[in-house]
Amino acid sequence: MVEKQTKIDAEKFAYQFMNSMQRAEVPTDEMETAAKEALAAYLTAYYLAQRFNNLENNFFEENHQRPVSAYQRILSELNQY
């Protein structure tokens, strides 16, 4: 069942998410604010992907005794953000 496991490269995911955000030309006096927003987007996406990977690992542990509906719990936990 491990071969069906989804694994997200958190760094690539976060970088692509940050780059996908629509940003107009940033004036010099607003550069710090724009950088904070970009950093917040990157870190949020990175840690969300990390959380997903951890939950996915827990779901696919060879010795787990959880019911199949545990996957719904994973999605529910991810939707809390």
PDB file of N, CA and C in Angstrom:
ATOM      1  N   MET A   1       0.821  -1.198   0.000  1.00  0.00           N
ATOM      2  CA  MET A   1       0.000   0.000   0.000  1.00  0.00           C
ATOM      3  C   MET A   1       0.861   1.256   0.000  1.00  0.00           C
ATOM      4  N   VAL A   2       2.125   1.136   0.393  1.00  0.00           N
ATOM      5  CA  VAL A   2       3.020   2.286   0.443  1.00  0.00           C
ATOM      6  C   VAL A   2       3.207   2.886  -0.940  1.00  0.00           C
ATOM      7  N   GLU A   3       3.136   2.049  -2.006  1.00  0.00           N
ATOM      8  CA  GLU A   3       3.315   2.567  -3.347  1.00  0.00           C
ATOM      9  C   GLU A   3       2.205   3.532  -3.767  1.00  0.00           C
ATOM     10  N   LYS A   4       1.077   3.512  -3.067  1.00  0.00           N
ATOM     11  CA  LYS A   4      -0.025   4.426  -3.363  1.00  0.00           C
ATOM     12  C   LYS A   4       0.064   5.722  -2.558  1.00  0.00           C
ATOM     13  N   GLN A   5       1.070   5.831  -1.737  1.00  0.00           N
ATOM     14  CA  GLN A   5       1.226   6.994  -0.873  1.00  0.00           C
ATOM     15  C   GLN A   5       1.591   8.232  -1.698  1.00  0.00           C
ATOM     16  N   THR A   6       0.967   9.343  -1.375  1.00  0.00           N
ATOM     17  CA  THR A   6       1.273  10.615  -2.012  1.00  0.00           C
ATOM     18  C   THR A   6       2.298  11.336  -1.165  1.00  0.00           C
ATOM     19  N   LYS A   7       3.344  11.824  -1.797  1.00  0.00           N
ATOM     20  CA  LYS A   7       4.390  12.563  -1.093  1.00  0.00           C
ATOM     21  C   LYS A   7       4.570  13.890  -1.814  1.00  0.00           C
ATOM     22  N   ILE A   8       4.485  14.981  -1.083  1.00  0.00           N
ATOM     23  CA  ILE A   8       4.646  16.322  -1.649  1.00  0.00           C
ATOM     24  C   ILE A   8       6.025  16.838  -1.279  1.00  0.00           C
ATOM     25  N   ASP A   9       6.743  17.339  -2.275  1.00  0.00           N
ATOM     26  CA  ASP A   9       8.013  18.012  -2.006  1.00  0.00           C
ATOM     27  C   ASP A   9       7.649  19.384  -1.449  1.00  0.00           C
ATOM     28  N   ALA A  10       7.767  19.543  -0.146  1.00  0.00           N
ATOM     29  CA  ALA A  10       7.297  20.759   0.531  1.00  0.00           C
ATOM     30  C   ALA A  10       7.986  22.010   0.002  1.00  0.00           C
ATOM     31  N   GLU A  11       9.281  21.933  -0.272  1.00  0.00           N
ATOM     32  CA  GLU A  11      10.014  23.107  -0.744  1.00  0.00           C
ATOM     33  C   GLU A  11       9.535  23.530  -2.130  1.00  0.00           C
ATOM     34  N   LYS A  12       9.398  22.578  -3.040  1.00  0.00           N
ATOM     35  CA  LYS A  12       8.922  22.905  -4.389  1.00  0.00           C
ATOM     36  C   LYS A  12       7.489  23.424  -4.358  1.00  0.00           C
ATOM     37  N   PHE A  13       6.657  22.768  -3.554  1.00  0.00           N
ATOM     38  CA  PHE A  13       5.254  23.173  -3.444  1.00  0.00           C
ATOM     39  C   PHE A  13       5.154  24.606  -2.940  1.00  0.00           C
ATOM     40  N   ALA A  14       5.893  24.915  -1.886  1.00  0.00           N
ATOM     41  CA  ALA A  14       5.836  26.249  -1.297  1.00  0.00           C
ATOM     42  C   ALA A  14       6.373  27.298  -2.265  1.00  0.00           C
ATOM     43  N   TYR A  15       7.444  26.975  -2.950  1.00  0.00           N
ATOM     44  CA  TYR A  15       8.033  27.918  -3.904  1.00  0.00           C
ATOM     45  C   TYR A  15       7.061  28.195  -5.048  1.00  0.00           C
ATOM     46  N   GLN A  16       6.435  27.140  -5.574  1.00  0.00           N
ATOM     47  CA  GLN A  16       5.470  27.328  -6.655  1.00  0.00           C
ATOM     48  C   GLN A  16       4.251  28.114  -6.180  1.00  0.00           C
ATOM     49  N   PHE A  17       3.797  27.827  -4.965  1.00  0.00           N
ATOM     50  CA  PHE A  17       2.659  28.568  -4.426  1.00  0.00           C
ATOM     51  C   PHE A  17       2.989  30.048  -4.291  1.00  0.00           C
ATOM     52  N   MET A  18       4.161  30.332  -3.730  1.00  0.00           N
ATOM     53  CA  MET A  18       4.570  31.723  -3.553  1.00  0.00           C
ATOM     54  C   MET A  18       4.663  32.430  -4.906  1.00  0.00           C
ATOM     55  N   ASN A  19       5.205  31.752  -5.900  1.00  0.00           N
ATOM     56  CA  ASN A  19       5.338  32.349  -7.224  1.00  0.00           C
ATOM     57  C   ASN A  19       4.003  32.524  -7.935  1.00  0.00           C
ATOM     58  N   SER A  20       3.006  31.749  -7.551  1.00  0.00           N
ATOM     59  CA  SER A  20       1.701  31.839  -8.212  1.00  0.00           C
ATOM     60  C   SER A  20       0.859  33.013  -7.714  1.00  0.00           C
ATOM     61  N   MET A  21       1.276  33.613  -6.620  1.00  0.00           N
ATOM     62  CA  MET A  21       0.516  34.734  -6.074  1.00  0.00           C
ATOM     63  C   MET A  21       0.647  35.946  -6.996  1.00  0.00           C
ATOM     64  N   GLN A  22      -0.472  36.594  -7.247  1.00  0.00           N
ATOM     65  CA  GLN A  22      -0.487  37.767  -8.118  1.00  0.00           C
ATOM     66  C   GLN A  22       0.087  38.971  -7.378  1.00  0.00           C
ATOM     67  N   ARG A  23       1.174  39.515  -7.911  1.00  0.00           N
ATOM     68  CA  ARG A  23       1.769  40.703  -7.304  1.00  0.00           C
ATOM     69  C   ARG A  23       2.045  41.720  -8.397  1.00  0.00           C
ATOM     70  N   ALA A  24       1.567  42.913  -8.176  1.00  0.00           N
ATOM     71  CA  ALA A  24       1.848  44.003  -9.110  1.00  0.00           C
ATOM     72  C   ALA A  24       3.251  44.530  -8.827  1.00  0.00           C
ATOM     73  N   GLU A  25       3.692  45.467  -9.621  1.00  0.00           N
ATOM     74  CA  GLU A  25       4.986  46.110  -9.376  1.00  0.00           C
ATOM     75  C   GLU A  25       4.969  46.685  -7.961  1.00  0.00           C
ATOM     76  N   VAL A  26       5.983  46.381  -7.191  1.00  0.00           N
ATOM     77  CA  VAL A  26       6.024  46.787  -5.791  1.00  0.00           C
ATOM     78  C   VAL A  26       6.888  48.040  -5.646  1.00  0.00           C
ATOM     79  N   PRO A  27       6.274  49.126  -5.163  1.00  0.00           N
ATOM     80  CA  PRO A  27       7.076  50.331  -4.907  1.00  0.00           C
ATOM     81  C   PRO A  27       8.088  50.072  -3.794  1.00  0.00           C
ATOM     82  N   THR A  28       9.183  50.782  -3.809  1.00  0.00           N
ATOM     83  CA  THR A  28      10.259  50.591  -2.848  1.00  0.00           C
ATOM     84  C   THR A  28       9.776  50.717  -1.411  1.00  0.00           C
ATOM     85  N   ASP A  29       8.893  51.654  -1.154  1.00  0.00           N
ATOM     86  CA  ASP A  29       8.433  51.852   0.229  1.00  0.00           C
ATOM     87  C   ASP A  29       7.495  50.742   0.715  1.00  0.00           C
ATOM     88  N   GLU A  30       7.034  49.876  -0.190  1.00  0.00           N
ATOM     89  CA  GLU A  30       6.168  48.759   0.195  1.00  0.00           C
ATOM     90  C   GLU A  30       6.867  47.409   0.051  1.00  0.00           C
ATOM     91  N   MET A  31       8.168  47.441  -0.211  1.00  0.00           N
ATOM     92  CA  MET A  31       8.907  46.210  -0.458  1.00  0.00           C
ATOM     93  C   MET A  31       8.936  45.292   0.769  1.00  0.00           C
ATOM     94  N   GLU A  32       9.100  45.868   1.956  1.00  0.00           N
ATOM     95  CA  GLU A  32       9.141  45.041   3.157  1.00  0.00           C
ATOM     96  C   GLU A  32       7.808  44.328   3.376  1.00  0.00           C
ATOM     97  N   THR A  33       6.711  45.032   3.173  1.00  0.00           N
ATOM     98  CA  THR A  33       5.383  44.431   3.318  1.00  0.00           C
ATOM     99  C   THR A  33       5.196  43.311   2.307  1.00  0.00           C
ATOM    100  N   ALA A  34       5.616  43.549   1.068  1.00  0.00           N
ATOM    101  CA  ALA A  34       5.493  42.523   0.021  1.00  0.00           C
ATOM    102  C   ALA A  34       6.354  41.308   0.361  1.00  0.00           C
ATOM    103  N   ALA A  35       7.545  41.540   0.883  1.00  0.00           N
ATOM    104  CA  ALA A  35       8.430  40.430   1.263  1.00  0.00           C
ATOM    105  C   ALA A  35       7.819  39.619   2.401  1.00  0.00           C
ATOM    106  N   LYS A  36       7.203  40.298   3.362  1.00  0.00           N
ATOM    107  CA  LYS A  36       6.550  39.594   4.476  1.00  0.00           C
ATOM    108  C   LYS A  36       5.396  38.740   3.968  1.00  0.00           C
ATOM    109  N   GLU A  37       4.622  39.276   3.042  1.00  0.00           N
ATOM    110  CA  GLU A  37       3.503  38.524   2.478  1.00  0.00           C
ATOM    111  C   GLU A  37       4.002  37.301   1.711  1.00  0.00           C
ATOM    112  N   ALA A  38       5.081  37.482   0.941  1.00  0.00           N
ATOM    113  CA  ALA A  38       5.640  36.364   0.183  1.00  0.00           C
ATOM    114  C   ALA A  38       6.200  35.304   1.134  1.00  0.00           C
ATOM    115  N   LEU A  39       6.873  35.741   2.180  1.00  0.00           N
ATOM    116  CA  LEU A  39       7.428  34.809   3.162  1.00  0.00           C
ATOM    117  C   LEU A  39       6.310  34.064   3.883  1.00  0.00           C
ATOM    118  N   ALA A  40       5.262  34.783   4.261  1.00  0.00           N
ATOM    119  CA  ALA A  40       4.131  34.137   4.926  1.00  0.00           C
ATOM    120  C   ALA A  40       3.488  33.100   4.007  1.00  0.00           C
ATOM    121  N   ALA A  41       3.362  33.420   2.725  1.00  0.00           N
ATOM    122  CA  ALA A  41       2.793  32.467   1.765  1.00  0.00           C
ATOM    123  C   ALA A  41       3.678  31.240   1.641  1.00  0.00           C
ATOM    124  N   TYR A  42       4.980  31.446   1.529  1.00  0.00           N
ATOM    125  CA  TYR A  42       5.918  30.336   1.399  1.00  0.00           C
ATOM    126  C   TYR A  42       5.869  29.428   2.630  1.00  0.00           C
ATOM    127  N   LEU A  43       5.982  30.035   3.804  1.00  0.00           N
ATOM    128  CA  LEU A  43       6.021  29.239   5.038  1.00  0.00           C
ATOM    129  C   LEU A  43       4.707  28.501   5.280  1.00  0.00           C
ATOM    130  N   THR A  44       3.592  29.155   4.992  1.00  0.00           N
ATOM    131  CA  THR A  44       2.295  28.510   5.163  1.00  0.00           C
ATOM    132  C   THR A  44       2.188  27.289   4.258  1.00  0.00           C
ATOM    133  N   ALA A  45       2.545  27.452   2.989  1.00  0.00           N
ATOM    134  CA  ALA A  45       2.478  26.336   2.048  1.00  0.00           C
ATOM    135  C   ALA A  45       3.467  25.235   2.434  1.00  0.00           C
ATOM    136  N   TYR A  46       4.666  25.615   2.855  1.00  0.00           N
ATOM    137  CA  TYR A  46       5.692  24.637   3.230  1.00  0.00           C
ATOM    138  C   TYR A  46       5.224  23.785   4.406  1.00  0.00           C
ATOM    139  N   TYR A  47       4.756  24.432   5.464  1.00  0.00           N
ATOM    140  CA  TYR A  47       4.351  23.676   6.648  1.00  0.00           C
ATOM    141  C   TYR A  47       3.051  22.903   6.431  1.00  0.00           C
ATOM    142  N   LEU A  48       2.183  23.397   5.564  1.00  0.00           N
ATOM    143  CA  LEU A  48       0.988  22.642   5.227  1.00  0.00           C
ATOM    144  C   LEU A  48       1.369  21.361   4.484  1.00  0.00           C
ATOM    145  N   ALA A  49       2.313  21.448   3.556  1.00  0.00           N
ATOM    146  CA  ALA A  49       2.777  20.264   2.832  1.00  0.00           C
ATOM    147  C   ALA A  49       3.470  19.298   3.790  1.00  0.00           C
ATOM    148  N   GLN A  50       4.240  19.823   4.723  1.00  0.00           N
ATOM    149  CA  GLN A  50       4.897  18.969   5.722  1.00  0.00           C
ATOM    150  C   GLN A  50       3.857  18.237   6.574  1.00  0.00           C
ATOM    151  N   ARG A  51       2.832  18.969   6.985  1.00  0.00           N
ATOM    152  CA  ARG A  51       1.763  18.342   7.782  1.00  0.00           C
ATOM    153  C   ARG A  51       1.074  17.245   6.990  1.00  0.00           C
ATOM    154  N   PHE A  52       0.797  17.537   5.717  1.00  0.00           N
ATOM    155  CA  PHE A  52       0.165  16.530   4.868  1.00  0.00           C
ATOM    156  C   PHE A  52       1.044  15.282   4.781  1.00  0.00           C
ATOM    157  N   ASN A  53       2.340  15.470   4.540  1.00  0.00           N
ATOM    158  CA  ASN A  53       3.255  14.331   4.446  1.00  0.00           C
ATOM    159  C   ASN A  53       3.291  13.530   5.738  1.00  0.00           C
ATOM    160  N   ASN A  54       3.293  14.208   6.874  1.00  0.00           N
ATOM    161  CA  ASN A  54       3.281  13.504   8.157  1.00  0.00           C
ATOM    162  C   ASN A  54       1.990  12.719   8.353  1.00  0.00           C
ATOM    163  N   LEU A  55       0.875  13.333   8.022  1.00  0.00           N
ATOM    164  CA  LEU A  55      -0.406  12.630   8.143  1.00  0.00           C
ATOM    165  C   LEU A  55      -0.463  11.453   7.179  1.00  0.00           C
ATOM    166  N   GLU A  56       0.061  11.662   5.987  1.00  0.00           N
ATOM    167  CA  GLU A  56       0.089  10.593   4.992  1.00  0.00           C
ATOM    168  C   GLU A  56       0.965   9.431   5.478  1.00  0.00           C
ATOM    169  N   ASN A  57       2.106   9.745   6.062  1.00  0.00           N
ATOM    170  CA  ASN A  57       2.980   8.705   6.607  1.00  0.00           C
ATOM    171  C   ASN A  57       2.268   7.911   7.696  1.00  0.00           C
ATOM    172  N   ASN A  58       1.560   8.613   8.566  1.00  0.00           N
ATOM    173  CA  ASN A  58       0.821   7.934   9.639  1.00  0.00           C
ATOM    174  C   ASN A  58      -0.260   7.019   9.074  1.00  0.00           C
ATOM    175  N   PHE A  59      -0.901   7.471   8.023  1.00  0.00           N
ATOM    176  CA  PHE A  59      -1.977   6.676   7.420  1.00  0.00           C
ATOM    177  C   PHE A  59      -1.423   5.400   6.788  1.00  0.00           C
ATOM    178  N   PHE A  60      -0.249   5.482   6.188  1.00  0.00           N
ATOM    179  CA  PHE A  60       0.300   4.355   5.460  1.00  0.00           C
ATOM    180  C   PHE A  60       1.297   3.523   6.256  1.00  0.00           C
ATOM    181  N   GLU A  61       1.369   3.724   7.558  1.00  0.00           N
ATOM    182  CA  GLU A  61       2.243   2.870   8.367  1.00  0.00           C
ATOM    183  C   GLU A  61       1.831   1.419   8.193  1.00  0.00           C
ATOM    184  N   GLU A  62       2.808   0.573   8.057  1.00  0.00           N
ATOM    185  CA  GLU A  62       2.526  -0.847   7.814  1.00  0.00           C
ATOM    186  C   GLU A  62       1.725  -1.485   8.937  1.00  0.00           C
ATOM    187  N   ASN A  63       1.967  -1.088  10.169  1.00  0.00           N
ATOM    188  CA  ASN A  63       1.331  -1.749  11.309  1.00  0.00           C
ATOM    189  C   ASN A  63       0.136  -0.998  11.865  1.00  0.00           C
ATOM    190  N   HIS A  64      -0.401  -0.058  11.095  1.00  0.00           N
ATOM    191  CA  HIS A  64      -1.505   0.710  11.699  1.00  0.00           C
ATOM    192  C   HIS A  64      -2.790  -0.119  11.723  1.00  0.00           C
ATOM    193  N   GLN A  65      -3.591   0.148  12.715  1.00  0.00           N
ATOM    194  CA  GLN A  65      -4.843  -0.568  12.894  1.00  0.00           C
ATOM    195  C   GLN A  65      -6.038   0.372  12.743  1.00  0.00           C
ATOM    196  N   ARG A  66      -5.811   1.510  12.093  1.00  0.00           N
ATOM    197  CA  ARG A  66      -6.891   2.492  11.944  1.00  0.00           C
ATOM    198  C   ARG A  66      -7.846   2.071  10.829  1.00  0.00           C
ATOM    199  N   PRO A  67      -9.098   2.458  10.945  1.00  0.00           N
ATOM    200  CA  PRO A  67     -10.042   2.142   9.864  1.00  0.00           C
ATOM    201  C   PRO A  67      -9.725   2.975   8.618  1.00  0.00           C
ATOM    202  N   VAL A  68     -10.235   2.545   7.481  1.00  0.00           N
ATOM    203  CA  VAL A  68      -9.986   3.225   6.211  1.00  0.00           C
ATOM    204  C   VAL A  68     -10.439   4.679   6.265  1.00  0.00           C
ATOM    205  N   SER A  69     -11.418   5.003   7.056  1.00  0.00           N
ATOM    206  CA  SER A  69     -11.935   6.363   7.134  1.00  0.00           C
ATOM    207  C   SER A  69     -10.922   7.340   7.743  1.00  0.00           C
ATOM    208  N   ALA A  70      -9.764   6.837   8.151  1.00  0.00           N
ATOM    209  CA  ALA A  70      -8.731   7.730   8.676  1.00  0.00           C
ATOM    210  C   ALA A  70      -8.308   8.749   7.627  1.00  0.00           C
ATOM    211  N   TYR A  71      -8.428   8.395   6.355  1.00  0.00           N
ATOM    212  CA  TYR A  71      -8.074   9.340   5.307  1.00  0.00           C
ATOM    213  C   TYR A  71      -8.981  10.569   5.360  1.00  0.00           C
ATOM    214  N   GLN A  72     -10.223  10.371   5.708  1.00  0.00           N
ATOM    215  CA  GLN A  72     -11.135  11.500   5.873  1.00  0.00           C
ATOM    216  C   GLN A  72     -10.671  12.399   7.014  1.00  0.00           C
ATOM    217  N   ARG A  73     -10.100  11.810   8.053  1.00  0.00           N
ATOM    218  CA  ARG A  73      -9.562  12.598   9.165  1.00  0.00           C
ATOM    219  C   ARG A  73      -8.403  13.463   8.674  1.00  0.00           C
ATOM    220  N   ILE A  74      -7.560  12.912   7.816  1.00  0.00           N
ATOM    221  CA  ILE A  74      -6.442  13.671   7.265  1.00  0.00           C
ATOM    222  C   ILE A  74      -6.958  14.885   6.511  1.00  0.00           C
ATOM    223  N   LEU A  75      -7.924  14.665   5.637  1.00  0.00           N
ATOM    224  CA  LEU A  75      -8.480  15.785   4.880  1.00  0.00           C
ATOM    225  C   LEU A  75      -9.149  16.795   5.794  1.00  0.00           C
ATOM    226  N   SER A  76      -9.826  16.301   6.806  1.00  0.00           N
ATOM    227  CA  SER A  76     -10.478  17.200   7.758  1.00  0.00           C
ATOM    228  C   SER A  76      -9.455  18.062   8.495  1.00  0.00           C
ATOM    229  N   GLU A  77      -8.349  17.461   8.921  1.00  0.00           N
ATOM    230  CA  GLU A  77      -7.308  18.222   9.620  1.00  0.00           C
ATOM    231  C   GLU A  77      -6.675  19.246   8.704  1.00  0.00           C
ATOM    232  N   LEU A  78      -6.459  18.899   7.446  1.00  0.00           N
ATOM    233  CA  LEU A  78      -5.864  19.853   6.505  1.00  0.00           C
ATOM    234  C   LEU A  78      -6.818  21.006   6.209  1.00  0.00           C
ATOM    235  N   ASN A  79      -8.111  20.740   6.230  1.00  0.00           N
ATOM    236  CA  ASN A  79      -9.094  21.784   5.950  1.00  0.00           C
ATOM    237  C   ASN A  79      -9.270  22.771   7.095  1.00  0.00           C
ATOM    238  N   GLN A  80      -8.636  22.509   8.223  1.00  0.00           N
ATOM    239  CA  GLN A  80      -8.740  23.436   9.345  1.00  0.00           C
ATOM    240  C   GLN A  80      -7.955  24.710   9.080  1.00  0.00           C
ATOM    241  N   TYR A  81      -7.117  24.735   8.062  1.00  0.00           N
ATOM    242  CA  TYR A  81      -6.317  25.926   7.752  1.00  0.00           C
ATOM    243  C   TYR A  81      -6.941  26.750   6.693  1.00  0.00           C
TER     244      TYR A  81
END
